């Protein structure tokens, strides 16, 4: 997990909002990280199973085809494996973008709630001042 102090300072610098180490936003960050890790692990496990099945199929084809055909199948398998690895990398990037979008979607309501709380508190202080002002004159 990234350094909590660094995240707090970045949120304050970019958004002008102060958060504390015990803030519920960190629970959301942790939950998002856990979801991303579990999704990545499931994707990795599924890909490993697919690669294992693919390797078994390649071995059967090599036994039937002879030396020249076996060489061609090995080359094709390597190209497919590289393509799958590229797809895995792309999926990882897309899942990070999805997690970022989820974080952004959850951040805005929190900002609105804090702004509303600040406005209500300000109005309450103003009303209290207006109410008690005649008592001090």
N, C-alpha and C. Protein backbone atom coordinates (compact mmCIF):
# COMPACT_ATOMS: atom_id res chain seq x y z
N UNK A 1 0.85 -1.17 0.00
CA UNK A 1 0.00 0.00 0.00
C UNK A 1 0.90 1.23 0.00
N UNK A 2 0.53 2.24 -0.74
CA UNK A 2 1.33 3.47 -0.78
C UNK A 2 1.41 4.11 0.60
N UNK A 3 2.39 4.96 0.78
CA UNK A 3 2.61 5.65 2.04
C UNK A 3 1.40 6.53 2.35
N UNK A 4 0.78 6.33 3.54
CA UNK A 4 -0.43 7.04 3.92
C UNK A 4 -0.17 8.54 4.01
N UNK A 5 0.97 8.95 4.58
CA UNK A 5 1.27 10.38 4.70
C UNK A 5 1.39 11.01 3.32
N UNK A 6 1.98 10.30 2.38
CA UNK A 6 2.12 10.82 1.03
C UNK A 6 0.74 10.98 0.39
N UNK A 7 -0.14 9.99 0.56
CA UNK A 7 -1.48 10.09 0.00
C UNK A 7 -2.24 11.27 0.61
N UNK A 8 -2.12 11.45 1.93
CA UNK A 8 -2.80 12.56 2.60
C UNK A 8 -2.32 13.89 2.05
N UNK A 9 -1.01 14.02 1.88
CA UNK A 9 -0.46 15.28 1.38
C UNK A 9 -0.86 15.51 -0.08
N UNK A 10 -0.92 14.46 -0.90
CA UNK A 10 -1.32 14.62 -2.29
C UNK A 10 -2.79 15.01 -2.39
N UNK A 11 -3.65 14.43 -1.56
CA UNK A 11 -5.07 14.80 -1.57
C UNK A 11 -5.21 16.26 -1.15
N UNK A 12 -4.47 16.68 -0.13
CA UNK A 12 -4.54 18.07 0.32
C UNK A 12 -4.02 19.01 -0.76
N UNK A 13 -2.94 18.63 -1.43
CA UNK A 13 -2.35 19.50 -2.45
C UNK A 13 -3.25 19.60 -3.68
N UNK A 14 -3.81 18.49 -4.12
CA UNK A 14 -4.59 18.49 -5.36
C UNK A 14 -6.03 18.96 -5.17
N UNK A 15 -6.60 18.70 -3.98
CA UNK A 15 -8.02 18.96 -3.80
C UNK A 15 -8.33 19.97 -2.70
N UNK A 16 -7.34 20.34 -1.93
CA UNK A 16 -7.59 21.28 -0.84
C UNK A 16 -8.43 20.68 0.26
N UNK A 17 -8.40 19.37 0.40
CA UNK A 17 -9.19 18.69 1.42
C UNK A 17 -8.23 17.99 2.37
N UNK A 18 -8.46 18.18 3.65
CA UNK A 18 -7.61 17.52 4.64
C UNK A 18 -8.29 16.24 5.10
N UNK A 19 -7.56 15.16 5.05
CA UNK A 19 -8.06 13.89 5.56
C UNK A 19 -7.09 13.38 6.61
N UNK A 20 -7.58 12.54 7.48
CA UNK A 20 -6.78 12.00 8.58
C UNK A 20 -6.50 10.51 8.31
N UNK A 21 -5.50 9.94 8.99
CA UNK A 21 -5.17 8.52 8.76
C UNK A 21 -6.35 7.57 9.01
N UNK A 22 -7.27 7.91 9.89
CA UNK A 22 -8.40 7.04 10.18
C UNK A 22 -9.62 7.32 9.32
N UNK A 23 -9.49 8.17 8.33
CA UNK A 23 -10.60 8.57 7.48
C UNK A 23 -11.17 7.35 6.73
N UNK A 24 -12.49 7.28 6.59
CA UNK A 24 -13.10 6.15 5.85
C UNK A 24 -12.65 6.04 4.40
N UNK A 25 -12.12 7.11 3.83
CA UNK A 25 -11.63 7.04 2.45
C UNK A 25 -10.52 6.00 2.33
N UNK A 26 -9.74 5.82 3.38
CA UNK A 26 -8.66 4.83 3.32
C UNK A 26 -9.23 3.41 3.30
N UNK A 27 -10.37 3.22 3.92
CA UNK A 27 -11.03 1.91 3.83
C UNK A 27 -11.43 1.64 2.39
N UNK A 28 -11.91 2.66 1.70
CA UNK A 28 -12.27 2.51 0.29
C UNK A 28 -11.04 2.21 -0.55
N UNK A 29 -9.95 2.89 -0.27
CA UNK A 29 -8.70 2.63 -1.01
C UNK A 29 -8.26 1.19 -0.78
N UNK A 30 -8.33 0.73 0.47
CA UNK A 30 -7.94 -0.65 0.79
C UNK A 30 -8.87 -1.63 0.08
N UNK A 31 -10.17 -1.36 0.12
CA UNK A 31 -11.12 -2.25 -0.55
C UNK A 31 -10.85 -2.30 -2.04
N UNK A 32 -10.59 -1.16 -2.66
CA UNK A 32 -10.29 -1.13 -4.10
C UNK A 32 -9.04 -1.93 -4.41
N UNK A 33 -8.02 -1.80 -3.56
CA UNK A 33 -6.77 -2.53 -3.77
C UNK A 33 -7.03 -4.03 -3.67
N UNK A 34 -7.82 -4.44 -2.66
CA UNK A 34 -8.11 -5.87 -2.48
C UNK A 34 -8.90 -6.43 -3.66
N UNK A 35 -9.87 -5.65 -4.15
CA UNK A 35 -10.65 -6.09 -5.31
C UNK A 35 -9.75 -6.24 -6.52
N UNK A 36 -8.86 -5.26 -6.72
CA UNK A 36 -7.94 -5.32 -7.85
C UNK A 36 -7.01 -6.53 -7.73
N UNK A 37 -6.48 -6.76 -6.53
CA UNK A 37 -5.58 -7.90 -6.36
C UNK A 37 -6.29 -9.22 -6.60
N UNK A 38 -7.52 -9.33 -6.06
CA UNK A 38 -8.25 -10.58 -6.27
C UNK A 38 -8.60 -10.78 -7.74
N UNK A 39 -9.01 -9.71 -8.41
CA UNK A 39 -9.33 -9.81 -9.84
C UNK A 39 -8.09 -10.20 -10.64
N UNK A 40 -6.96 -9.58 -10.31
CA UNK A 40 -5.72 -9.91 -11.02
C UNK A 40 -5.33 -11.37 -10.76
N UNK A 41 -5.50 -11.84 -9.52
CA UNK A 41 -5.16 -13.23 -9.19
C UNK A 41 -6.07 -14.20 -9.93
N UNK A 42 -7.37 -13.89 -9.98
CA UNK A 42 -8.30 -14.76 -10.71
C UNK A 42 -7.95 -14.79 -12.20
N UNK A 43 -7.64 -13.63 -12.74
CA UNK A 43 -7.27 -13.55 -14.16
C UNK A 43 -5.99 -14.34 -14.40
N UNK A 44 -5.02 -14.20 -13.50
CA UNK A 44 -3.76 -14.93 -13.63
C UNK A 44 -4.01 -16.45 -13.56
N UNK A 45 -4.80 -16.89 -12.59
CA UNK A 45 -5.09 -18.32 -12.45
C UNK A 45 -5.80 -18.86 -13.69
N UNK A 46 -6.77 -18.10 -14.17
CA UNK A 46 -7.49 -18.54 -15.37
C UNK A 46 -6.53 -18.63 -16.56
N UNK A 47 -5.67 -17.65 -16.70
CA UNK A 47 -4.72 -17.65 -17.81
C UNK A 47 -3.74 -18.82 -17.68
N UNK A 48 -3.31 -19.10 -16.48
CA UNK A 48 -2.41 -20.24 -16.26
C UNK A 48 -3.10 -21.55 -16.65
N UNK A 49 -4.38 -21.67 -16.30
CA UNK A 49 -5.12 -22.89 -16.69
C UNK A 49 -5.24 -22.98 -18.22
N UNK A 50 -5.53 -21.84 -18.84
CA UNK A 50 -5.62 -21.84 -20.30
C UNK A 50 -4.29 -22.20 -20.94
N UNK A 51 -3.21 -21.66 -20.40
CA UNK A 51 -1.89 -21.97 -20.94
C UNK A 51 -1.53 -23.44 -20.74
N UNK A 52 -1.95 -24.00 -19.60
CA UNK A 52 -1.68 -25.42 -19.34
C UNK A 52 -2.44 -26.30 -20.34
N UNK A 53 -3.72 -25.96 -20.57
CA UNK A 53 -4.51 -26.70 -21.55
C UNK A 53 -3.90 -26.53 -22.94
N UNK A 54 -3.48 -25.33 -23.23
CA UNK A 54 -2.87 -25.06 -24.53
C UNK A 54 -1.59 -25.87 -24.70
N UNK A 55 -0.75 -25.91 -23.66
CA UNK A 55 0.50 -26.68 -23.74
C UNK A 55 0.23 -28.17 -23.95
N UNK A 56 -0.80 -28.71 -23.31
CA UNK A 56 -1.15 -30.12 -23.50
C UNK A 56 -1.55 -30.37 -24.95
N UNK A 57 -2.34 -29.44 -25.49
CA UNK A 57 -2.76 -29.57 -26.89
C UNK A 57 -1.57 -29.51 -27.83
N UNK A 58 -0.64 -28.63 -27.53
CA UNK A 58 0.56 -28.50 -28.37
C UNK A 58 1.37 -29.79 -28.32
N UNK A 59 1.49 -30.40 -27.16
CA UNK A 59 2.26 -31.64 -27.03
C UNK A 59 1.62 -32.77 -27.85
N UNK A 60 0.29 -32.85 -27.83
CA UNK A 60 -0.39 -33.88 -28.62
C UNK A 60 -0.15 -33.66 -30.11
N UNK A 61 -0.20 -32.40 -30.52
CA UNK A 61 0.02 -32.09 -31.94
C UNK A 61 1.45 -32.43 -32.35
N UNK A 62 2.41 -32.19 -31.47
CA UNK A 62 3.81 -32.50 -31.78
C UNK A 62 4.02 -34.00 -31.97
N UNK A 63 3.36 -34.78 -31.17
CA UNK A 63 3.51 -36.23 -31.29
C UNK A 63 2.98 -36.74 -32.62
N UNK A 64 1.91 -36.17 -33.11
CA UNK A 64 1.29 -36.64 -34.34
C UNK A 64 1.95 -36.08 -35.59
N UNK A 65 2.51 -34.93 -35.54
CA UNK A 65 2.87 -34.21 -36.75
C UNK A 65 4.27 -34.46 -37.28
N UNK A 66 5.19 -34.90 -36.50
CA UNK A 66 6.55 -35.08 -36.99
C UNK A 66 7.41 -33.85 -36.70
N UNK A 67 8.67 -33.93 -37.08
CA UNK A 67 9.65 -32.91 -36.72
C UNK A 67 9.37 -31.55 -37.34
N UNK A 68 9.12 -31.52 -38.62
CA UNK A 68 8.93 -30.23 -39.27
C UNK A 68 7.65 -29.54 -38.80
N UNK A 69 6.57 -30.27 -38.73
CA UNK A 69 5.31 -29.70 -38.28
C UNK A 69 5.41 -29.29 -36.81
N UNK A 70 6.11 -30.10 -36.00
CA UNK A 70 6.27 -29.78 -34.59
C UNK A 70 6.99 -28.45 -34.41
N UNK A 71 8.00 -28.19 -35.22
CA UNK A 71 8.72 -26.91 -35.14
C UNK A 71 7.78 -25.74 -35.45
N UNK A 72 6.95 -25.91 -36.46
CA UNK A 72 6.01 -24.84 -36.82
C UNK A 72 5.00 -24.59 -35.69
N UNK A 73 4.53 -25.67 -35.05
CA UNK A 73 3.58 -25.53 -33.96
C UNK A 73 4.22 -24.83 -32.77
N UNK A 74 5.48 -25.16 -32.47
CA UNK A 74 6.18 -24.50 -31.37
C UNK A 74 6.30 -23.00 -31.62
N UNK A 75 6.62 -22.63 -32.84
CA UNK A 75 6.73 -21.21 -33.16
C UNK A 75 5.38 -20.51 -33.01
N UNK A 76 4.34 -21.17 -33.47
CA UNK A 76 3.00 -20.58 -33.34
C UNK A 76 2.59 -20.46 -31.87
N UNK A 77 2.94 -21.49 -31.09
CA UNK A 77 2.61 -21.46 -29.66
C UNK A 77 3.31 -20.30 -28.97
N UNK A 78 4.55 -20.07 -29.30
CA UNK A 78 5.29 -18.97 -28.68
C UNK A 78 4.67 -17.62 -29.04
N UNK A 79 4.25 -17.49 -30.30
CA UNK A 79 3.60 -16.25 -30.71
C UNK A 79 2.27 -16.06 -29.97
N UNK A 80 1.52 -17.15 -29.81
CA UNK A 80 0.26 -17.07 -29.08
C UNK A 80 0.50 -16.74 -27.61
N UNK A 81 1.51 -17.34 -27.02
CA UNK A 81 1.85 -17.06 -25.63
C UNK A 81 2.22 -15.59 -25.46
N UNK A 82 3.00 -15.06 -26.39
CA UNK A 82 3.35 -13.64 -26.33
C UNK A 82 2.11 -12.77 -26.47
N UNK A 83 1.21 -13.18 -27.35
CA UNK A 83 -0.04 -12.44 -27.50
C UNK A 83 -0.87 -12.47 -26.23
N UNK A 84 -0.94 -13.64 -25.57
CA UNK A 84 -1.67 -13.74 -24.31
C UNK A 84 -1.03 -12.87 -23.23
N UNK A 85 0.29 -12.88 -23.17
CA UNK A 85 0.97 -12.05 -22.18
C UNK A 85 0.71 -10.57 -22.44
N UNK A 86 0.68 -10.18 -23.71
CA UNK A 86 0.33 -8.79 -24.04
C UNK A 86 -1.10 -8.48 -23.62
N UNK A 87 -2.00 -9.44 -23.85
CA UNK A 87 -3.39 -9.25 -23.42
C UNK A 87 -3.49 -9.13 -21.91
N UNK A 88 -2.70 -9.90 -21.18
CA UNK A 88 -2.68 -9.83 -19.72
C UNK A 88 -2.22 -8.44 -19.28
N UNK A 89 -1.17 -7.94 -19.91
CA UNK A 89 -0.68 -6.60 -19.56
C UNK A 89 -1.75 -5.55 -19.84
N UNK A 90 -2.41 -5.65 -20.98
CA UNK A 90 -3.46 -4.69 -21.33
C UNK A 90 -4.61 -4.78 -20.32
N UNK A 91 -5.00 -6.00 -19.96
CA UNK A 91 -6.08 -6.17 -18.99
C UNK A 91 -5.69 -5.58 -17.64
N UNK A 92 -4.43 -5.72 -17.24
CA UNK A 92 -3.97 -5.12 -15.99
C UNK A 92 -4.08 -3.61 -16.02
N UNK A 93 -3.70 -3.01 -17.12
CA UNK A 93 -3.80 -1.56 -17.25
C UNK A 93 -5.26 -1.13 -17.21
N UNK A 94 -6.10 -1.86 -17.91
CA UNK A 94 -7.53 -1.51 -17.92
C UNK A 94 -8.15 -1.67 -16.53
N UNK A 95 -7.74 -2.69 -15.79
CA UNK A 95 -8.29 -2.86 -14.44
C UNK A 95 -7.82 -1.74 -13.53
N UNK A 96 -6.59 -1.25 -13.70
CA UNK A 96 -6.13 -0.11 -12.92
C UNK A 96 -6.94 1.14 -13.27
N UNK A 97 -7.25 1.31 -14.55
CA UNK A 97 -8.07 2.45 -14.96
C UNK A 97 -9.47 2.34 -14.35
N UNK A 98 -9.99 1.13 -14.28
CA UNK A 98 -11.31 0.91 -13.69
C UNK A 98 -11.28 1.26 -12.20
N UNK A 99 -10.26 0.81 -11.49
CA UNK A 99 -10.13 1.12 -10.06
C UNK A 99 -10.02 2.63 -9.87
N UNK A 100 -9.27 3.29 -10.75
CA UNK A 100 -9.14 4.75 -10.65
C UNK A 100 -10.50 5.41 -10.85
N UNK A 101 -11.27 4.93 -11.82
CA UNK A 101 -12.60 5.50 -12.08
C UNK A 101 -13.51 5.28 -10.88
N UNK A 102 -13.42 4.12 -10.24
CA UNK A 102 -14.23 3.85 -9.04
C UNK A 102 -13.83 4.79 -7.92
N UNK A 103 -12.52 4.99 -7.74
CA UNK A 103 -12.06 5.93 -6.72
C UNK A 103 -12.58 7.33 -6.99
N UNK A 104 -12.53 7.76 -8.24
CA UNK A 104 -13.02 9.09 -8.60
C UNK A 104 -14.52 9.20 -8.33
N UNK A 105 -15.26 8.15 -8.63
CA UNK A 105 -16.71 8.18 -8.42
C UNK A 105 -17.06 8.27 -6.94
N UNK A 106 -16.24 7.65 -6.09
CA UNK A 106 -16.51 7.69 -4.65
C UNK A 106 -15.97 8.97 -4.00
N UNK A 107 -15.03 9.61 -4.63
CA UNK A 107 -14.42 10.80 -4.04
C UNK A 107 -15.37 11.99 -4.12
N UNK A 108 -16.06 12.17 -5.22
CA UNK A 108 -16.91 13.34 -5.41
C UNK A 108 -18.03 13.42 -4.36
N UNK A 109 -18.78 12.34 -4.07
CA UNK A 109 -19.82 12.45 -3.03
C UNK A 109 -19.22 12.83 -1.67
N UNK A 110 -18.03 12.36 -1.37
CA UNK A 110 -17.40 12.72 -0.09
C UNK A 110 -17.10 14.21 -0.06
N UNK A 111 -16.62 14.76 -1.15
CA UNK A 111 -16.34 16.19 -1.22
C UNK A 111 -17.63 16.98 -1.03
N UNK A 112 -18.69 16.54 -1.68
CA UNK A 112 -19.98 17.24 -1.56
C UNK A 112 -20.48 17.18 -0.12
N UNK A 113 -20.36 16.01 0.53
CA UNK A 113 -20.80 15.89 1.93
C UNK A 113 -20.03 16.82 2.83
N UNK A 114 -18.71 16.86 2.67
CA UNK A 114 -17.90 17.74 3.52
C UNK A 114 -18.19 19.20 3.25
N UNK A 115 -18.42 19.57 2.00
CA UNK A 115 -18.76 20.95 1.68
C UNK A 115 -20.10 21.32 2.30
N UNK A 116 -21.08 20.43 2.21
CA UNK A 116 -22.39 20.68 2.81
C UNK A 116 -22.28 20.80 4.33
N UNK A 117 -21.48 19.93 4.93
CA UNK A 117 -21.28 20.01 6.39
C UNK A 117 -20.63 21.33 6.77
N UNK A 118 -19.68 21.79 5.98
CA UNK A 118 -19.03 23.07 6.25
C UNK A 118 -19.99 24.23 6.12
N UNK A 119 -20.84 24.20 5.09
CA UNK A 119 -21.84 25.27 4.92
C UNK A 119 -22.84 25.28 6.06
N UNK A 120 -23.29 24.12 6.47
CA UNK A 120 -24.25 24.04 7.58
C UNK A 120 -23.60 24.54 8.87
N UNK A 121 -22.36 24.13 9.11
CA UNK A 121 -21.66 24.59 10.31
C UNK A 121 -21.46 26.10 10.27
N UNK A 122 -21.11 26.63 9.11
CA UNK A 122 -20.93 28.08 8.98
C UNK A 122 -22.23 28.82 9.22
N UNK A 123 -23.31 28.31 8.66
CA UNK A 123 -24.62 28.94 8.87
C UNK A 123 -25.01 28.88 10.34
N UNK A 124 -24.73 27.77 11.00
CA UNK A 124 -25.06 27.64 12.42
C UNK A 124 -24.24 28.63 13.25
N UNK A 125 -22.97 28.77 12.94
CA UNK A 125 -22.14 29.75 13.67
C UNK A 125 -22.63 31.17 13.43
N UNK A 126 -23.00 31.48 12.21
CA UNK A 126 -23.52 32.82 11.90
C UNK A 126 -24.80 33.08 12.67
N UNK A 127 -25.72 32.09 12.67
CA UNK A 127 -26.98 32.25 13.38
C UNK A 127 -26.74 32.40 14.88
N UNK A 128 -25.82 31.64 15.42
CA UNK A 128 -25.51 31.74 16.85
C UNK A 128 -24.94 33.11 17.17
N UNK A 129 -24.10 33.62 16.29
CA UNK A 129 -23.53 34.96 16.50
C UNK A 129 -24.61 36.02 16.44
N UNK A 130 -25.51 35.90 15.49
CA UNK A 130 -26.59 36.86 15.36
C UNK A 130 -27.53 36.78 16.56
N UNK A 131 -27.72 35.61 17.09
CA UNK A 131 -28.63 35.41 18.23
C UNK A 131 -28.05 35.97 19.53
N UNK A 132 -26.73 35.70 19.72
CA UNK A 132 -26.09 36.14 20.97
C UNK A 132 -25.52 37.54 20.90
N UNK A 133 -25.44 38.15 19.75
CA UNK A 133 -24.87 39.50 19.62
C UNK A 133 -25.60 40.53 20.47
N UNK A 134 -26.92 40.53 20.50
CA UNK A 134 -27.61 41.53 21.33
C UNK A 134 -27.33 41.35 22.83
N UNK A 135 -26.98 40.17 23.25
CA UNK A 135 -26.69 39.92 24.67
C UNK A 135 -25.39 40.60 25.11
N UNK A 136 -24.48 40.86 24.21
CA UNK A 136 -23.18 41.40 24.56
C UNK A 136 -23.12 42.91 24.33
N UNK A 137 -24.16 43.55 23.90
CA UNK A 137 -24.16 45.02 23.69
C UNK A 137 -24.73 45.74 24.85
